[in-house]
PDB file of N, CA and C in Angstrom:
ATOM      1  N   MET A   1     -97.082-120.727 -75.664  1.00  0.00           N
ATOM      2  CA  MET A   1     -98.384-120.865 -75.029  1.00  0.00           C
ATOM      3  C   MET A   1     -98.530-122.263 -74.425  1.00  0.00           C
ATOM      4  N   LYS A   2     -97.522-122.787 -73.835  1.00  0.00           N
ATOM      5  CA  LYS A   2     -97.560-124.121 -73.238  1.00  0.00           C
ATOM      6  C   LYS A   2     -98.219-124.063 -71.872  1.00  0.00           C
ATOM      7  N   SER A   3     -99.108-125.014 -71.620  1.00  0.00           N
ATOM      8  CA  SER A   3     -99.745-125.111 -70.311  1.00  0.00           C
ATOM      9  C   SER A   3     -99.902-126.583 -69.973  1.00  0.00           C
ATOM     10  N   ASP A   4     -99.523-126.967 -68.776  1.00  0.00           N
ATOM     11  CA  ASP A   4     -99.620-128.364 -68.365  1.00  0.00           C
ATOM     12  C   ASP A   4    -100.992-128.721 -67.827  1.00  0.00           C
ATOM     13  N   ILE A   5    -101.841-127.734 -67.599  1.00  0.00           N
ATOM     14  CA  ILE A   5    -103.126-127.984 -66.961  1.00  0.00           C
ATOM     15  C   ILE A   5    -104.229-128.023 -68.021  1.00  0.00           C
ATOM     16  N   LEU A   6    -104.909-129.153 -68.095  1.00  0.00           N
ATOM     17  CA  LEU A   6    -105.987-129.350 -69.052  1.00  0.00           C
ATOM     18  C   LEU A   6    -107.298-128.882 -68.417  1.00  0.00           C
ATOM     19  N   THR A   7    -107.745-127.687 -68.786  1.00  0.00           N
ATOM     20  CA  THR A   7    -109.003-127.142 -68.293  1.00  0.00           C
ATOM     21  C   THR A   7    -109.793-126.637 -69.493  1.00  0.00           C
ATOM     22  N   GLU A   8    -111.065-126.332 -69.278  1.00  0.00           N
ATOM     23  CA  GLU A   8    -111.870-125.787 -70.374  1.00  0.00           C
ATOM     24  C   GLU A   8    -111.264-124.492 -70.900  1.00  0.00           C
ATOM     25  N   THR A   9    -110.716-123.681 -70.014  1.00  0.00           N
ATOM     26  CA  THR A   9    -110.122-122.405 -70.431  1.00  0.00           C
ATOM     27  C   THR A   9    -108.895-122.622 -71.302  1.00  0.00           C
ATOM     28  N   THR A  10    -107.993-123.518 -70.884  1.00  0.00           N
ATOM     29  CA  THR A  10    -106.783-123.732 -71.671  1.00  0.00           C
ATOM     30  C   THR A  10    -107.082-124.447 -72.986  1.00  0.00           C
ATOM     31  N   VAL A  11    -108.027-125.376 -72.970  1.00  0.00           N
ATOM     32  CA  VAL A  11    -108.415-126.069 -74.198  1.00  0.00           C
ATOM     33  C   VAL A  11    -109.058-125.080 -75.171  1.00  0.00           C
ATOM     34  N   GLU A  12    -109.950-124.242 -74.681  1.00  0.00           N
ATOM     35  CA  GLU A  12    -110.617-123.248 -75.525  1.00  0.00           C
ATOM     36  C   GLU A  12    -109.590-122.331 -76.191  1.00  0.00           C
ATOM     37  N   LEU A  13    -108.568-121.952 -75.470  1.00  0.00           N
ATOM     38  CA  LEU A  13    -107.529-121.092 -76.009  1.00  0.00           C
ATOM     39  C   LEU A  13    -106.797-121.771 -77.174  1.00  0.00           C
ATOM     40  N   VAL A  14    -106.460-123.034 -77.016  1.00  0.00           N
ATOM     41  CA  VAL A  14    -105.793-123.781 -78.092  1.00  0.00           C
ATOM     42  C   VAL A  14    -106.724-123.920 -79.293  1.00  0.00           C
ATOM     43  N   LEU A  15    -107.992-124.217 -79.037  1.00  0.00           N
ATOM     44  CA  LEU A  15    -108.949-124.347 -80.131  1.00  0.00           C
ATOM     45  C   LEU A  15    -109.037-123.050 -80.925  1.00  0.00           C
ATOM     46  N   ARG A  16    -109.175-121.924 -80.234  1.00  0.00           N
ATOM     47  CA  ARG A  16    -109.347-120.623 -80.894  1.00  0.00           C
ATOM     48  C   ARG A  16    -108.092-120.164 -81.630  1.00  0.00           C
ATOM     49  N   GLU A  17    -106.925-120.395 -81.032  1.00  0.00           N
ATOM     50  CA  GLU A  17    -105.690-119.873 -81.614  1.00  0.00           C
ATOM     51  C   GLU A  17    -105.074-120.776 -82.679  1.00  0.00           C
ATOM     52  N   ARG A  18    -105.228-122.089 -82.536  1.00  0.00           N
ATOM     53  CA  ARG A  18    -104.525-122.998 -83.443  1.00  0.00           C
ATOM     54  C   ARG A  18    -105.422-123.782 -84.386  1.00  0.00           C
ATOM     55  N   ILE A  19    -106.605-124.172 -83.926  1.00  0.00           N
ATOM     56  CA  ILE A  19    -107.410-125.100 -84.723  1.00  0.00           C
ATOM     57  C   ILE A  19    -108.511-124.394 -85.499  1.00  0.00           C
ATOM     58  N   SER A  20    -109.228-123.476 -84.872  1.00  0.00           N
ATOM     59  CA  SER A  20    -110.310-122.771 -85.560  1.00  0.00           C
ATOM     60  C   SER A  20    -109.859-122.093 -86.853  1.00  0.00           C
ATOM     61  N   PRO A  21    -108.705-121.429 -86.873  1.00  0.00           N
ATOM     62  CA  PRO A  21    -108.289-120.800 -88.133  1.00  0.00           C
ATOM     63  C   PRO A  21    -108.151-121.796 -89.293  1.00  0.00           C
ATOM     64  N   LEU A  22    -107.676-122.997 -88.996  1.00  0.00           N
ATOM     65  CA  LEU A  22    -107.575-124.025 -90.038  1.00  0.00           C
ATOM     66  C   LEU A  22    -108.954-124.420 -90.549  1.00  0.00           C
ATOM     67  N   LEU A  23    -109.885-124.633 -89.635  1.00  0.00           N
ATOM     68  CA  LEU A  23    -111.228-125.069 -90.023  1.00  0.00           C
ATOM     69  C   LEU A  23    -111.995-123.957 -90.731  1.00  0.00           C
ATOM     70  N   ARG A  24    -111.831-122.722 -90.266  1.00  0.00           N
ATOM     71  CA  ARG A  24    -112.529-121.598 -90.910  1.00  0.00           C
ATOM     72  C   ARG A  24    -112.064-121.404 -92.346  1.00  0.00           C
ATOM     73  N   SER A  25    -110.826-121.761 -92.642  1.00  0.00           N
ATOM     74  CA  SER A  25    -110.334-121.635 -94.016  1.00  0.00           C
ATOM     75  C   SER A  25    -111.048-122.604 -94.951  1.00  0.00           C
ATOM     76  N   HIS A  26    -111.770-123.567 -94.395  1.00  0.00           N
ATOM     77  CA  HIS A  26    -112.548-124.531 -95.180  1.00  0.00           C
ATOM     78  C   HIS A  26    -114.051-124.322 -94.997  1.00  0.00           C
ATOM     79  N   GLY A  27    -114.450-123.213 -94.369  1.00  0.00           N
ATOM     80  CA  GLY A  27    -115.870-122.910 -94.184  1.00  0.00           C
ATOM     81  C   GLY A  27    -116.501-123.544 -92.962  1.00  0.00           C
ATOM     82  N   GLY A  28    -115.690-124.024 -92.049  1.00  0.00           N
ATOM     83  CA  GLY A  28    -116.234-124.663 -90.849  1.00  0.00           C
ATOM     84  C   GLY A  28    -115.623-124.083 -89.590  1.00  0.00           C
ATOM     85  N   ASP A  29    -115.929-124.714 -88.479  1.00  0.00           N
ATOM     86  CA  ASP A  29    -115.371-124.323 -87.188  1.00  0.00           C
ATOM     87  C   ASP A  29    -115.714-125.419 -86.191  1.00  0.00           C
ATOM     88  N   LEU A  30    -115.354-125.216 -84.947  1.00  0.00           N
ATOM     89  CA  LEU A  30    -115.696-126.164 -83.898  1.00  0.00           C
ATOM     90  C   LEU A  30    -115.894-125.417 -82.598  1.00  0.00           C
ATOM     91  N   SER A  31    -116.554-126.086 -81.666  1.00  0.00           N
ATOM     92  CA  SER A  31    -116.747-125.507 -80.342  1.00  0.00           C
ATOM     93  C   SER A  31    -116.484-126.592 -79.306  1.00  0.00           C
ATOM     94  N   LEU A  32    -116.109-126.139 -78.138  1.00  0.00           N
ATOM     95  CA  LEU A  32    -115.848-127.038 -77.024  1.00  0.00           C
ATOM     96  C   LEU A  32    -117.151-127.315 -76.297  1.00  0.00           C
ATOM     97  N   SER A  33    -117.452-128.580 -76.097  1.00  0.00           N
ATOM     98  CA  SER A  33    -118.628-128.954 -75.306  1.00  0.00           C
ATOM     99  C   SER A  33    -118.265-129.042 -73.838  1.00  0.00           C
ATOM    100  N   ARG A  34    -117.208-129.801 -73.556  1.00  0.00           N
ATOM    101  CA  ARG A  34    -116.767-129.948 -72.170  1.00  0.00           C
ATOM    102  C   ARG A  34    -115.433-130.687 -72.139  1.00  0.00           C
ATOM    103  N   VAL A  35    -114.805-130.643 -70.979  1.00  0.00           N
ATOM    104  CA  VAL A  35    -113.580-131.398 -70.721  1.00  0.00           C
ATOM    105  C   VAL A  35    -113.845-132.263 -69.497  1.00  0.00           C
ATOM    106  N   LYS A  36    -113.578-133.543 -69.621  1.00  0.00           N
ATOM    107  CA  LYS A  36    -113.749-134.454 -68.486  1.00  0.00           C
ATOM    108  C   LYS A  36    -112.492-135.299 -68.381  1.00  0.00           C
ATOM    109  N   ASP A  37    -111.765-135.101 -67.290  1.00  0.00           N
ATOM    110  CA  ASP A  37    -110.481-135.761 -67.077  1.00  0.00           C
ATOM    111  C   ASP A  37    -109.563-135.427 -68.254  1.00  0.00           C
ATOM    112  N   LYS A  38    -109.153-136.427 -69.015  1.00  0.00           N
ATOM    113  CA  LYS A  38    -108.280-136.187 -70.168  1.00  0.00           C
ATOM    114  C   LYS A  38    -109.024-136.366 -71.487  1.00  0.00           C
ATOM    115  N   THR A  39    -110.347-136.182 -71.451  1.00  0.00           N
ATOM    116  CA  THR A  39    -111.155-136.291 -72.653  1.00  0.00           C
ATOM    117  C   THR A  39    -111.775-134.936 -72.964  1.00  0.00           C
ATOM    118  N   ILE A  40    -111.603-134.514 -74.207  1.00  0.00           N
ATOM    119  CA  ILE A  40    -112.127-133.240 -74.685  1.00  0.00           C
ATOM    120  C   ILE A  40    -113.268-133.545 -75.652  1.00  0.00           C
ATOM    121  N   PHE A  41    -114.439-132.988 -75.390  1.00  0.00           N
ATOM    122  CA  PHE A  41    -115.614-133.200 -76.233  1.00  0.00           C
ATOM    123  C   PHE A  41    -115.836-131.950 -77.073  1.00  0.00           C
ATOM    124  N   ILE A  42    -115.931-132.147 -78.401  1.00  0.00           N
ATOM    125  CA  ILE A  42    -116.097-131.019 -79.313  1.00  0.00           C
ATOM    126  C   ILE A  42    -117.294-131.241 -80.234  1.00  0.00           C
ATOM    127  N   LYS A  43    -117.733-130.139 -80.849  1.00  0.00           N
ATOM    128  CA  LYS A  43    -118.767-130.191 -81.881  1.00  0.00           C
ATOM    129  C   LYS A  43    -118.283-129.359 -83.056  1.00  0.00           C
ATOM    130  N   PHE A  44    -118.449-129.892 -84.253  1.00  0.00           N
ATOM    131  CA  PHE A  44    -118.124-129.140 -85.454  1.00  0.00           C
ATOM    132  C   PHE A  44    -119.324-128.326 -85.896  1.00  0.00           C
ATOM    133  N   SER A  45    -119.056-127.237 -86.609  1.00  0.00           N
ATOM    134  CA  SER A  45    -120.122-126.407 -87.174  1.00  0.00           C
ATOM    135  C   SER A  45    -119.750-126.028 -88.602  1.00  0.00           C
ATOM    136  N   GLY A  46    -120.699-125.422 -89.291  1.00  0.00           N
ATOM    137  CA  GLY A  46    -120.453-125.015 -90.673  1.00  0.00           C
ATOM    138  C   GLY A  46    -120.186-126.214 -91.562  1.00  0.00           C
ATOM    139  N   ALA A  47    -119.299-126.033 -92.519  1.00  0.00           N
ATOM    140  CA  ALA A  47    -118.993-127.097 -93.479  1.00  0.00           C
ATOM    141  C   ALA A  47    -118.409-128.336 -92.810  1.00  0.00           C
ATOM    142  N   CYS A  48    -117.770-128.163 -91.660  1.00  0.00           N
ATOM    143  CA  CYS A  48    -117.157-129.306 -90.967  1.00  0.00           C
ATOM    144  C   CYS A  48    -118.197-130.235 -90.349  1.00  0.00           C
ATOM    145  N   ARG A  49    -119.368-129.692 -90.065  1.00  0.00           N
ATOM    146  CA  ARG A  49    -120.378-130.482 -89.346  1.00  0.00           C
ATOM    147  C   ARG A  49    -120.790-131.742 -90.094  1.00  0.00           C
ATOM    148  N   PHE A  50    -120.939-131.643 -91.401  1.00  0.00           N
ATOM    149  CA  PHE A  50    -121.404-132.796 -92.181  1.00  0.00           C
ATOM    150  C   PHE A  50    -120.307-133.359 -93.085  1.00  0.00           C
ATOM    151  N   CYS A  51    -119.079-132.971 -92.833  1.00  0.00           N
ATOM    152  CA  CYS A  51    -117.960-133.434 -93.651  1.00  0.00           C
ATOM    153  C   CYS A  51    -117.713-134.916 -93.419  1.00  0.00           C
ATOM    154  N   PRO A  52    -117.534-135.673 -94.491  1.00  0.00           N
ATOM    155  CA  PRO A  52    -117.263-137.098 -94.338  1.00  0.00           C
ATOM    156  C   PRO A  52    -115.928-137.382 -93.627  1.00  0.00           C
ATOM    157  N   ALA A  53    -115.041-136.392 -93.597  1.00  0.00           N
ATOM    158  CA  ALA A  53    -113.733-136.579 -92.958  1.00  0.00           C
ATOM    159  C   ALA A  53    -113.707-136.033 -91.530  1.00  0.00           C
ATOM    160  N   ALA A  54    -114.868-135.760 -90.934  1.00  0.00           N
ATOM    161  CA  ALA A  54    -114.917-135.149 -89.601  1.00  0.00           C
ATOM    162  C   ALA A  54    -114.218-135.995 -88.543  1.00  0.00           C
ATOM    163  N   ASN A  55    -114.419-137.299 -88.584  1.00  0.00           N
ATOM    164  CA  ASN A  55    -113.762-138.163 -87.587  1.00  0.00           C
ATOM    165  C   ASN A  55    -112.246-138.162 -87.772  1.00  0.00           C
ATOM    166  N   GLU A  56    -111.817-138.167 -89.013  1.00  0.00           N
ATOM    167  CA  GLU A  56    -110.379-138.124 -89.298  1.00  0.00           C
ATOM    168  C   GLU A  56    -109.783-136.783 -88.863  1.00  0.00           C
ATOM    169  N   THR A  57    -110.500-135.693 -89.109  1.00  0.00           N
ATOM    170  CA  THR A  57    -110.053-134.363 -88.679  1.00  0.00           C
ATOM    171  C   THR A  57    -109.942-134.310 -87.158  1.00  0.00           C
ATOM    172  N   THR A  58    -110.913-134.908 -86.487  1.00  0.00           N
ATOM    173  CA  THR A  58    -110.894-134.933 -85.022  1.00  0.00           C
ATOM    174  C   THR A  58    -109.629-135.606 -84.515  1.00  0.00           C
ATOM    175  N   GLU A  59    -109.328-136.758 -85.071  1.00  0.00           N
ATOM    176  CA  GLU A  59    -108.176-137.529 -84.592  1.00  0.00           C
ATOM    177  C   GLU A  59    -106.841-136.954 -85.066  1.00  0.00           C
ATOM    178  N   LYS A  60    -106.731-136.688 -86.359  1.00  0.00           N
ATOM    179  CA  LYS A  60    -105.423-136.344 -86.918  1.00  0.00           C
ATOM    180  C   LYS A  60    -105.057-134.873 -86.782  1.00  0.00           C
ATOM    181  N   ILE A  61    -106.030-134.019 -86.561  1.00  0.00           N
ATOM    182  CA  ILE A  61    -105.708-132.603 -86.395  1.00  0.00           C
ATOM    183  C   ILE A  61    -105.976-132.154 -84.964  1.00  0.00           C
ATOM    184  N   VAL A  62    -107.240-132.241 -84.535  1.00  0.00           N
ATOM    185  CA  VAL A  62    -107.603-131.704 -83.223  1.00  0.00           C
ATOM    186  C   VAL A  62    -106.900-132.473 -82.103  1.00  0.00           C
ATOM    187  N   GLN A  63    -107.044-133.769 -82.090  1.00  0.00           N
ATOM    188  CA  GLN A  63    -106.427-134.568 -81.026  1.00  0.00           C
ATOM    189  C   GLN A  63    -104.904-134.463 -81.075  1.00  0.00           C
ATOM    190  N   ALA A  64    -104.328-134.519 -82.257  1.00  0.00           N
ATOM    191  CA  ALA A  64    -102.871-134.425 -82.379  1.00  0.00           C
ATOM    192  C   ALA A  64    -102.354-133.089 -81.851  1.00  0.00           C
ATOM    193  N   MET A  65    -103.042-132.003 -82.168  1.00  0.00           N
ATOM    194  CA  MET A  65    -102.610-130.692 -81.690  1.00  0.00           C
ATOM    195  C   MET A  65    -102.762-130.557 -80.183  1.00  0.00           C
ATOM    196  N   MET A  66    -103.828-131.122 -79.635  1.00  0.00           N
ATOM    197  CA  MET A  66    -104.020-131.074 -78.186  1.00  0.00           C
ATOM    198  C   MET A  66    -102.937-131.878 -77.470  1.00  0.00           C
ATOM    199  N   ARG A  67    -102.644-133.066 -77.975  1.00  0.00           N
ATOM    200  CA  ARG A  67    -101.604-133.892 -77.367  1.00  0.00           C
ATOM    201  C   ARG A  67    -100.246-133.195 -77.440  1.00  0.00           C
ATOM    202  N   GLU A  68     -99.977-132.574 -78.574  1.00  0.00           N
ATOM    203  CA  GLU A  68     -98.713-131.861 -78.742  1.00  0.00           C
ATOM    204  C   GLU A  68     -98.630-130.661 -77.798  1.00  0.00           C
ATOM    205  N   HIS A  69     -99.691-129.873 -77.752  1.00  0.00           N
ATOM    206  CA  HIS A  69     -99.682-128.672 -76.916  1.00  0.00           C
ATOM    207  C   HIS A  69     -99.516-129.011 -75.438  1.00  0.00           C
ATOM    208  N   PHE A  70    -100.285-129.975 -74.968  1.00  0.00           N
ATOM    209  CA  PHE A  70    -100.254-130.320 -73.542  1.00  0.00           C
ATOM    210  C   PHE A  70     -99.197-131.384 -73.220  1.00  0.00           C
ATOM    211  N   LYS A  71     -98.482-131.836 -74.246  1.00  0.00           N
ATOM    212  CA  LYS A  71     -97.428-132.845 -74.084  1.00  0.00           C
ATOM    213  C   LYS A  71     -97.940-134.065 -73.315  1.00  0.00           C
ATOM    214  N   ASP A  72     -99.083-134.600 -73.803  1.00  0.00           N
ATOM    215  CA  ASP A  72     -99.729-135.733 -73.134  1.00  0.00           C
ATOM    216  C   ASP A  72    -100.413-136.607 -74.193  1.00  0.00           C
ATOM    217  N   ASP A  73     -99.854-137.780 -74.444  1.00  0.00           N
ATOM    218  CA  ASP A  73    -100.416-138.694 -75.450  1.00  0.00           C
ATOM    219  C   ASP A  73    -101.667-139.419 -74.968  1.00  0.00           C
ATOM    220  N   ASN A  74    -102.097-139.172 -73.741  1.00  0.00           N
ATOM    221  CA  ASN A  74    -103.301-139.810 -73.210  1.00  0.00           C
ATOM    222  C   ASN A  74    -104.555-138.954 -73.369  1.00  0.00           C
ATOM    223  N   ILE A  75    -104.421-137.789 -73.969  1.00  0.00           N
ATOM    224  CA  ILE A  75    -105.590-136.928 -74.208  1.00  0.00           C
ATOM    225  C   ILE A  75    -106.375-137.494 -75.382  1.00  0.00           C
ATOM    226  N   ASP A  76    -107.679-137.613 -75.200  1.00  0.00           N
ATOM    227  CA  ASP A  76    -108.570-138.051 -76.274  1.00  0.00           C
ATOM    228  C   ASP A  76    -109.526-136.922 -76.614  1.00  0.00           C
ATOM    229  N   VAL A  77    -109.843-136.796 -77.893  1.00  0.00           N
ATOM    230  CA  VAL A  77    -110.830-135.820 -78.345  1.00  0.00           C
ATOM    231  C   VAL A  77    -111.986-136.600 -78.949  1.00  0.00           C
ATOM    232  N   VAL A  78    -113.203-136.295 -78.477  1.00  0.00           N
ATOM    233  CA  VAL A  78    -114.406-137.002 -78.910  1.00  0.00           C
ATOM    234  C   VAL A  78    -115.316-136.019 -79.636  1.00  0.00           C
ATOM    235  N   LEU A  79    -115.738-136.416 -80.818  1.00  0.00           N
ATOM    236  CA  LEU A  79    -116.659-135.607 -81.611  1.00  0.00           C
ATOM    237  C   LEU A  79    -118.089-135.955 -81.227  1.00  0.00           C
ATOM    238  N   GLU A  80    -118.824-134.952 -80.763  1.00  0.00           N
ATOM    239  CA  GLU A  80    -120.235-135.155 -80.430  1.00  0.00           C
ATOM    240  C   GLU A  80    -121.071-134.811 -81.655  1.00  0.00           C
ATOM    241  N   ASN A  81    -121.964-135.695 -82.013  1.00  0.00           N
ATOM    242  CA  ASN A  81    -122.782-135.504 -83.217  1.00  0.00           C
ATOM    243  C   ASN A  81    -124.251-135.282 -82.894  1.00  0.00           C
ATOM    244  N   GLY A  82    -124.531-134.567 -81.841  1.00  0.00           N
ATOM    245  CA  GLY A  82    -125.915-134.340 -81.456  1.00  0.00           C
ATOM    246  C   GLY A  82    -126.538-133.182 -82.214  1.00  0.00           C
ATOM    247  N   VAL A  83    -127.811-133.019 -82.030  1.00  0.00           N
ATOM    248  CA  VAL A  83    -128.546-131.909 -82.631  1.00  0.00           C
ATOM    249  C   VAL A  83    -128.267-130.659 -81.806  1.00  0.00           C
ATOM    250  N   SER A  84    -128.048-129.542 -82.482  1.00  0.00           N
ATOM    251  CA  SER A  84    -127.736-128.307 -81.771  1.00  0.00           C
ATOM    252  C   SER A  84    -128.946-127.807 -80.982  1.00  0.00           C
ATOM    253  N   ASN A  85    -128.684-127.047 -79.934  1.00  0.00           N
ATOM    254  CA  ASN A  85    -129.760-126.462 -79.133  1.00  0.00           C
ATOM    255  C   ASN A  85    -130.605-125.506 -79.961  1.00  0.00           C
ATOM    256  N   ASP A  86    -129.991-124.772 -80.888  1.00  0.00           N
ATOM    257  CA  ASP A  86    -130.735-123.862 -81.764  1.00  0.00           C
ATOM    258  C   ASP A  86    -131.747-124.630 -82.610  1.00  0.00           C
ATOM    259  N   LEU A  87    -131.327-125.748 -83.173  1.00  0.00           N
ATOM    260  CA  LEU A  87    -132.229-126.549 -83.994  1.00  0.00           C
ATOM    261  C   LEU A  87    -133.364-127.129 -83.160  1.00  0.00           C
ATOM    262  N   LEU A  88    -133.051-127.572 -81.960  1.00  0.00           N
ATOM    263  CA  LEU A  88    -134.093-128.093 -81.068  1.00  0.00           C
ATOM    264  C   LEU A  88    -135.121-127.013 -80.733  1.00  0.00           C
ATOM    265  N   GLU A  89    -134.657-125.805 -80.459  1.00  0.00           N
ATOM    266  CA  GLU A  89    -135.570-124.701 -80.147  1.00  0.00           C
ATOM    267  C   GLU A  89    -136.449-124.355 -81.347  1.00  0.00           C
ATOM    268  N   GLN A  90    -135.885-124.352 -82.536  1.00  0.00           N
ATOM    269  CA  GLN A  90    -136.676-124.085 -83.739  1.00  0.00           C
ATOM    270  C   GLN A  90    -137.763-125.141 -83.924  1.00  0.00           C
ATOM    271  N   ALA A  91    -137.405-126.387 -83.707  1.00  0.00           N
ATOM    272  CA  ALA A  91    -138.386-127.473 -83.850  1.00  0.00           C
ATOM    273  C   ALA A  91    -139.499-127.332 -82.815  1.00  0.00           C
ATOM    274  N   LYS A  92    -139.135-126.978 -81.580  1.00  0.00           N
ATOM    275  CA  LYS A  92    -140.154-126.795 -80.535  1.00  0.00           C
ATOM    276  C   LYS A  92    -141.094-125.648 -80.879  1.00  0.00           C
ATOM    277  N   ASN A  93    -140.556-124.568 -81.403  1.00  0.00           N
ATOM    278  CA  ASN A  93    -141.380-123.420 -81.778  1.00  0.00           C
ATOM    279  C   ASN A  93    -142.352-123.772 -82.897  1.00  0.00           C
ATOM    280  N   ILE A  94    -141.901-124.545 -83.839  1.00  0.00           N
ATOM    281  CA  ILE A  94    -142.776-124.985 -84.937  1.00  0.00           C
ATOM    282  C   ILE A  94    -143.894-125.856 -84.399  1.00  0.00           C
ATOM    283  N   LEU A  95    -143.564-126.773 -83.499  1.00  0.00           N
ATOM    284  CA  LEU A  95    -144.573-127.671 -82.940  1.00  0.00           C
ATOM    285  C   LEU A  95    -145.569-126.959 -82.041  1.00  0.00           C
ATOM    286  N   ARG A  96    -145.155-125.847 -81.443  1.00  0.00           N
ATOM    287  CA  ARG A  96    -146.038-125.095 -80.525  1.00  0.00           C
ATOM    288  C   ARG A  96    -147.016-124.179 -81.259  1.00  0.00           C
ATOM    289  N   LYS A  97    -146.765-123.889 -82.524  1.00  0.00           N
ATOM    290  CA  LYS A  97    -147.631-122.969 -83.259  1.00  0.00           C
ATOM    291  C   LYS A  97    -149.023-123.584 -83.423  1.00  0.00           C
ATOM    292  N   PRO A  98    -150.044-122.745 -83.208  1.00  0.00           N
ATOM    293  CA  PRO A  98    -151.412-123.258 -83.392  1.00  0.00           C
ATOM    294  C   PRO A  98    -151.673-123.569 -84.873  1.00  0.00           C
ATOM    295  N   LYS A  99    -152.474-124.569 -85.090  1.00  0.00           N
ATOM    296  CA  LYS A  99    -152.779-124.987 -86.481  1.00  0.00           C
ATOM    297  C   LYS A  99    -154.015-124.332 -86.984  1.00  0.00           C
TER     298      LYS A  99
END
């Protein structure tokens, strides 16, 4: 499954086939936020989201696998730690309810 082209489609395929199964075995997962040049932005979910080793997992597992797959040591993987859209919507709904 080697591909020289770094796109959201090819990155998503690597995430789903190689990385997600590892994370799901620990009660977590990840999703792709976006790809910009040679930088891949991801978000963890489940148990991985609040794991103290999330940054280490990003670098030593996700980034290493991406670099290996695409044969490019210049690929960086960045963990985004923002609030999910679902959580934002829930908060907005709570604030909109009449008192």
